């Protein structure tokens, strides 16, 4: 893929957000995937961030976002708090919390392509799908209906 000069300014980030204290399937349940998608779409509509790529695994969210009106350090924690708050309103018995969150700045085209490839094939490597295009909650199939441009 060819990228324009300054394609990674504003910064692009690869975020991994695992959830603890839940059953096996959280983010592949439609009602919870819808919460995450609605929050991401709202934040994009308000130009806070732009979603470049995403993957919802049963107990973690993987996304690549481009900073918008907010830097990562101002956007990320409120985003995670809002998602958990909405899930708790739907299912107060779910004792969920975020754990072991990681982030990496995507500095160039090679790093972007590497993470996009990893996100595409992660469901296959984890035995959740036999083909990346057969996995519902990723940018390829976009069953979560996240606004990707």
Protein backbone atom coordinates (compact mmCIF):
# COMPACT_ATOMS: atom_id res chain seq x y z
CA UNK A 1 0.00 0.00 0.00
CA UNK A 2 1.26 3.49 -0.83
CA UNK A 3 0.87 6.24 1.75
CA UNK A 4 1.08 9.99 1.28
CA UNK A 5 3.80 11.97 3.05
CA UNK A 6 2.75 12.78 6.62
CA UNK A 7 0.14 9.98 6.48
CA UNK A 8 0.75 9.23 10.16
CA UNK A 9 0.33 12.77 11.39
CA UNK A 10 -2.00 13.12 13.29
CA UNK A 11 -0.84 10.02 15.13
CA UNK A 12 -2.30 6.58 14.51
CA UNK A 13 -2.50 4.18 17.46
CA UNK A 14 -3.01 0.44 17.79
CA UNK A 15 -4.99 -0.27 20.98
CA UNK A 16 -5.73 -3.59 22.66
CA UNK A 17 -8.39 -3.52 25.38
CA UNK A 18 -8.94 -6.87 27.13
CA UNK A 19 -11.79 -7.18 29.59
CA UNK A 20 -11.57 -9.17 32.82
CA UNK A 21 -14.24 -10.69 35.00
CA UNK A 22 -16.48 -11.79 32.17
CA UNK A 23 -17.58 -14.97 30.55
CA UNK A 24 -16.03 -16.17 27.36
CA UNK A 25 -18.00 -13.93 25.02
CA UNK A 26 -18.45 -10.24 25.64
CA UNK A 27 -17.70 -8.22 22.52
CA UNK A 28 -19.04 -10.84 20.12
CA UNK A 29 -22.47 -10.55 21.75
CA UNK A 30 -24.43 -8.24 19.49
CA UNK A 31 -25.74 -6.00 22.26
CA UNK A 32 -22.22 -5.34 23.58
CA UNK A 33 -20.67 -4.97 20.13
CA UNK A 34 -23.40 -2.44 19.37
CA UNK A 35 -22.41 -0.40 22.45
CA UNK A 36 -18.78 -0.22 21.36
CA UNK A 37 -19.72 0.57 17.76
CA UNK A 38 -22.16 3.30 18.79
CA UNK A 39 -19.54 4.96 21.00
CA UNK A 40 -16.87 4.75 18.27
CA UNK A 41 -19.30 6.12 15.67
CA UNK A 42 -20.33 8.95 17.98
CA UNK A 43 -16.70 9.86 18.67
CA UNK A 44 -15.99 9.81 14.93
CA UNK A 45 -19.07 11.92 14.18
CA UNK A 46 -17.76 14.46 16.71
CA UNK A 47 -14.29 14.30 15.08
CA UNK A 48 -12.63 13.13 18.31
CA UNK A 49 -10.93 10.16 16.60
CA UNK A 50 -11.14 8.21 13.35
CA UNK A 51 -11.30 4.41 13.30
CA UNK A 52 -8.87 3.02 10.75
CA UNK A 53 -9.37 -0.69 11.49
CA UNK A 54 -11.00 -2.81 14.19
CA UNK A 55 -11.44 -6.32 15.53
CA UNK A 56 -13.71 -7.45 18.35
CA UNK A 57 -12.60 -10.72 19.88
CA UNK A 58 -14.81 -12.37 22.50
CA UNK A 59 -12.99 -10.72 25.42
CA UNK A 60 -10.99 -7.90 23.84
CA UNK A 61 -11.21 -4.99 21.44
CA UNK A 62 -8.41 -4.27 18.98
CA UNK A 63 -8.61 -0.97 17.13
CA UNK A 64 -6.40 1.35 15.15
CA UNK A 65 -7.47 4.93 15.61
CA UNK A 66 -6.22 8.24 14.26
CA UNK A 67 -6.26 11.14 16.68
CA UNK A 68 -8.73 13.88 15.88
CA UNK A 69 -9.80 16.70 18.17
CA UNK A 70 -8.51 14.71 21.15
CA UNK A 71 -5.14 13.13 21.75
CA UNK A 72 -5.06 9.49 22.77
CA UNK A 73 -4.44 10.30 26.43
CA UNK A 74 -7.58 12.50 26.55
CA UNK A 75 -9.83 10.17 24.54
CA UNK A 76 -9.00 6.60 25.55
CA UNK A 77 -9.92 6.39 29.25
CA UNK A 78 -13.26 8.23 28.86
CA UNK A 79 -14.07 5.95 25.91
CA UNK A 80 -13.37 2.81 27.97
CA UNK A 81 -15.30 4.19 30.97
CA UNK A 82 -18.34 5.01 28.80
CA UNK A 83 -18.38 1.55 27.20
CA UNK A 84 -18.23 -0.24 30.56
CA UNK A 85 -20.88 2.05 32.05
CA UNK A 86 -23.33 1.21 29.26
CA UNK A 87 -22.61 -2.52 29.55
CA UNK A 88 -23.18 -2.34 33.31
CA UNK A 89 -26.53 -0.62 32.75
CA UNK A 90 -27.61 -3.47 30.47
CA UNK A 91 -26.21 -6.23 32.66
CA UNK A 92 -25.54 -5.07 36.23
CA UNK A 93 -24.48 -8.59 37.25
CA UNK A 94 -21.56 -8.56 34.82
CA UNK A 95 -18.46 -7.76 36.87
CA UNK A 96 -16.35 -6.38 34.04
CA UNK A 97 -13.22 -4.29 34.15
CA UNK A 98 -10.51 -3.41 31.66
CA UNK A 99 -7.20 -5.16 32.26
CA UNK A 100 -3.75 -5.20 30.67
CA UNK A 101 -4.54 -2.52 28.08
CA UNK A 102 -1.74 -1.86 25.62
CA UNK A 103 -1.09 0.73 22.97
CA UNK A 104 1.47 1.27 20.25
CA UNK A 105 2.01 4.28 18.04
CA UNK A 106 1.92 3.37 14.37
CA UNK A 107 4.80 5.36 12.96
CA UNK A 108 4.96 4.20 9.36
CA UNK A 109 3.34 2.20 6.58
CA UNK A 110 5.17 -1.00 7.51
CA UNK A 111 3.87 -0.90 11.09
CA UNK A 112 0.34 -0.10 9.87
CA UNK A 113 0.33 -2.98 7.40
CA UNK A 114 1.74 -5.36 10.04
CA UNK A 115 -1.00 -4.54 12.56
CA UNK A 116 -3.76 -4.60 9.92
CA UNK A 117 -2.58 -8.06 8.79
CA UNK A 118 -2.41 -9.25 12.40
CA UNK A 119 -5.93 -8.00 13.11
CA UNK A 120 -7.22 -9.68 9.97
CA UNK A 121 -5.77 -13.10 10.85
CA UNK A 122 -6.01 -13.09 14.65
CA UNK A 123 -9.45 -14.79 14.68
CA UNK A 124 -8.04 -17.58 12.50
CA UNK A 125 -4.94 -18.00 14.66
CA UNK A 126 -7.15 -18.17 17.76
CA UNK A 127 -9.41 -20.80 16.17
CA UNK A 128 -12.45 -18.52 16.02
CA UNK A 129 -12.77 -18.68 12.22
CA UNK A 130 -11.34 -20.72 9.37
CA UNK A 131 -11.05 -17.70 7.09
CA UNK A 132 -10.53 -14.04 8.08
CA UNK A 133 -13.44 -13.02 5.89
CA UNK A 134 -15.68 -15.43 7.82
CA UNK A 135 -15.22 -13.61 11.12
CA UNK A 136 -18.09 -11.22 11.78
CA UNK A 137 -16.63 -8.57 14.06
CA UNK A 138 -13.80 -7.06 12.05
CA UNK A 139 -13.31 -4.29 9.54
CA UNK A 140 -13.69 -6.71 6.64
CA UNK A 141 -17.26 -7.78 7.46
CA UNK A 142 -18.12 -4.81 9.65
CA UNK A 143 -21.14 -6.46 11.26
CA UNK A 144 -20.73 -3.93 14.09
CA UNK A 145 -21.42 -1.19 11.51
CA UNK A 146 -18.56 1.09 12.47
CA UNK A 147 -18.16 4.02 10.11
CA UNK A 148 -15.03 3.18 8.15
CA UNK A 149 -13.92 5.57 5.45
